[in-house]
Amino acid sequence: MSTLKKEIEKHIKKLVNPLKEEEELLAALKGKMTKKELKLLKGWAEGIDTEEIRTKLNLDETHYGELSSKLIKKLNQEKIKQAICI
């Protein structure tokens, strides 16, 4: 299983159906998330250090926290779940 799929599964509270394959998953996420949210998710999946992610995305601690929260909330929305699941 890809690291991106594992990362997404970590943040979704209730996942009924399995996630799509990575290429389809990325395509679905690109339409539903901002570029920064997607880069943050990929950074988490790759195991990149928080400081490095913040530097790459040009975020201070507050904005990093806000972006993280927003991303996790989005992943748990039904519309997004339907888009990323088989």
C-alpha atoms as a PDB file:
ATOM      1  CA  MET A   1       0.000   0.000   0.000  1.00  0.00           C
ATOM      2  CA  SER A   2       1.295   3.437  -0.883  1.00  0.00           C
ATOM      3  CA  THR A   3       2.397   5.860   1.802  1.00  0.00           C
ATOM      4  CA  LEU A   4      -0.155   8.422   0.591  1.00  0.00           C
ATOM      5  CA  LYS A   5      -3.013   5.955   1.083  1.00  0.00           C
ATOM      6  CA  LYS A   6      -1.722   5.056   4.561  1.00  0.00           C
ATOM      7  CA  GLU A   7      -1.455   8.739   5.492  1.00  0.00           C
ATOM      8  CA  ILE A   8      -5.006   9.460   4.338  1.00  0.00           C
ATOM      9  CA  GLU A   9      -6.352   6.437   6.231  1.00  0.00           C
ATOM     10  CA  LYS A  10      -4.680   7.759   9.412  1.00  0.00           C
ATOM     11  CA  HIS A  11      -6.689  10.979   9.254  1.00  0.00           C
ATOM     12  CA  ILE A  12     -10.105   9.717   8.172  1.00  0.00           C
ATOM     13  CA  LYS A  13     -12.308   8.840  11.137  1.00  0.00           C
ATOM     14  CA  LYS A  14     -14.633   6.392   9.380  1.00  0.00           C
ATOM     15  CA  LEU A  15     -13.658   4.821   6.084  1.00  0.00           C
ATOM     16  CA  VAL A  16     -16.265   2.414   4.703  1.00  0.00           C
ATOM     17  CA  ASN A  17     -14.816   1.654   1.252  1.00  0.00           C
ATOM     18  CA  PRO A  18     -11.176   1.155   0.231  1.00  0.00           C
ATOM     19  CA  LEU A  19      -9.270   4.069  -1.278  1.00  0.00           C
ATOM     20  CA  LYS A  20      -8.545   4.324  -5.001  1.00  0.00           C
ATOM     21  CA  GLU A  21      -5.099   3.580  -6.406  1.00  0.00           C
ATOM     22  CA  GLU A  22      -2.526   6.334  -5.945  1.00  0.00           C
ATOM     23  CA  GLU A  23      -2.790   7.938  -9.404  1.00  0.00           C
ATOM     24  CA  GLU A  24      -6.588   8.118  -9.240  1.00  0.00           C
ATOM     25  CA  LEU A  25      -6.368   9.277  -5.637  1.00  0.00           C
ATOM     26  CA  LEU A  26      -4.066  12.171  -6.544  1.00  0.00           C
ATOM     27  CA  ALA A  27      -6.303  13.189  -9.443  1.00  0.00           C
ATOM     28  CA  ALA A  28      -9.361  13.257  -7.156  1.00  0.00           C
ATOM     29  CA  LEU A  29      -7.515  15.193  -4.440  1.00  0.00           C
ATOM     30  CA  LYS A  30      -6.195  17.809  -6.884  1.00  0.00           C
ATOM     31  CA  GLY A  31      -9.761  18.794  -7.675  1.00  0.00           C
ATOM     32  CA  LYS A  32     -10.831  19.014  -4.050  1.00  0.00           C
ATOM     33  CA  MET A  33      -7.855  20.568  -2.230  1.00  0.00           C
ATOM     34  CA  THR A  34      -5.636  23.604  -2.503  1.00  0.00           C
ATOM     35  CA  LYS A  35      -2.059  23.157  -3.706  1.00  0.00           C
ATOM     36  CA  LYS A  36      -0.719  23.830  -0.210  1.00  0.00           C
ATOM     37  CA  GLU A  37      -3.060  21.255   1.359  1.00  0.00           C
ATOM     38  CA  LEU A  38      -1.962  18.663  -1.177  1.00  0.00           C
ATOM     39  CA  LYS A  39       1.732  19.460  -0.640  1.00  0.00           C
ATOM     40  CA  LEU A  40       1.224  19.184   3.115  1.00  0.00           C
ATOM     41  CA  LEU A  41      -0.451  15.787   2.754  1.00  0.00           C
ATOM     42  CA  LYS A  42       2.343  14.559   0.472  1.00  0.00           C
ATOM     43  CA  GLY A  43       4.917  15.838   2.971  1.00  0.00           C
ATOM     44  CA  TRP A  44       3.267  13.892   5.769  1.00  0.00           C
ATOM     45  CA  ALA A  45       3.132  10.785   3.589  1.00  0.00           C
ATOM     46  CA  GLU A  46       6.829  11.072   2.767  1.00  0.00           C
ATOM     47  CA  GLY A  47       7.691  11.486   6.447  1.00  0.00           C
ATOM     48  CA  ILE A  48       9.207  14.937   5.978  1.00  0.00           C
ATOM     49  CA  ASP A  49       9.985  16.849   9.178  1.00  0.00           C
ATOM     50  CA  THR A  50       7.391  19.454  10.209  1.00  0.00           C
ATOM     51  CA  GLU A  51       9.965  22.264  10.120  1.00  0.00           C
ATOM     52  CA  GLU A  52      10.980  21.331   6.584  1.00  0.00           C
ATOM     53  CA  ILE A  53       7.342  21.253   5.442  1.00  0.00           C
ATOM     54  CA  ARG A  54       6.719  24.644   7.031  1.00  0.00           C
ATOM     55  CA  THR A  55       9.779  26.076   5.283  1.00  0.00           C
ATOM     56  CA  LYS A  56       8.819  24.611   1.892  1.00  0.00           C
ATOM     57  CA  LEU A  57       5.271  25.938   2.186  1.00  0.00           C
ATOM     58  CA  ASN A  58       6.371  29.242   3.744  1.00  0.00           C
ATOM     59  CA  LEU A  59       4.133  28.804   6.815  1.00  0.00           C
ATOM     60  CA  ASP A  60       4.556  29.944  10.398  1.00  0.00           C
ATOM     61  CA  GLU A  61       3.423  27.698  13.268  1.00  0.00           C
ATOM     62  CA  THR A  62      -0.075  29.189  13.442  1.00  0.00           C
ATOM     63  CA  HIS A  63      -0.772  28.856   9.727  1.00  0.00           C
ATOM     64  CA  TYR A  64       0.698  25.351   9.672  1.00  0.00           C
ATOM     65  CA  GLY A  65      -1.726  24.329  12.437  1.00  0.00           C
ATOM     66  CA  GLU A  66      -4.663  25.951  10.678  1.00  0.00           C
ATOM     67  CA  LEU A  67      -3.781  24.294   7.353  1.00  0.00           C
ATOM     68  CA  SER A  68      -3.375  20.911   9.051  1.00  0.00           C
ATOM     69  CA  SER A  69      -6.769  21.189  10.754  1.00  0.00           C
ATOM     70  CA  LYS A  70      -8.455  22.312   7.546  1.00  0.00           C
ATOM     71  CA  LEU A  71      -6.890  19.440   5.617  1.00  0.00           C
ATOM     72  CA  ILE A  72      -8.043  16.809   8.125  1.00  0.00           C
ATOM     73  CA  LYS A  73     -11.568  18.279   8.178  1.00  0.00           C
ATOM     74  CA  LYS A  74     -11.682  18.160   4.377  1.00  0.00           C
ATOM     75  CA  LEU A  75     -10.558  14.526   4.313  1.00  0.00           C
ATOM     76  CA  ASN A  76     -13.480  13.671   6.581  1.00  0.00           C
ATOM     77  CA  GLN A  77     -16.143  15.364   4.422  1.00  0.00           C
ATOM     78  CA  GLU A  78     -18.479  12.924   2.702  1.00  0.00           C
ATOM     79  CA  LYS A  79     -17.986  14.482  -0.743  1.00  0.00           C
ATOM     80  CA  ILE A  80     -14.222  14.014  -0.499  1.00  0.00           C
ATOM     81  CA  LYS A  81     -14.585  10.460   0.825  1.00  0.00           C
ATOM     82  CA  GLN A  82     -16.826   9.588  -2.119  1.00  0.00           C
ATOM     83  CA  ALA A  83     -14.289  11.073  -4.548  1.00  0.00           C
ATOM     84  CA  ILE A  84     -11.297   9.167  -3.138  1.00  0.00           C
ATOM     85  CA  CYS A  85     -12.913   5.806  -2.443  1.00  0.00           C
ATOM     86  CA  ILE A  86     -13.647   3.000  -4.887  1.00  0.00           C
END
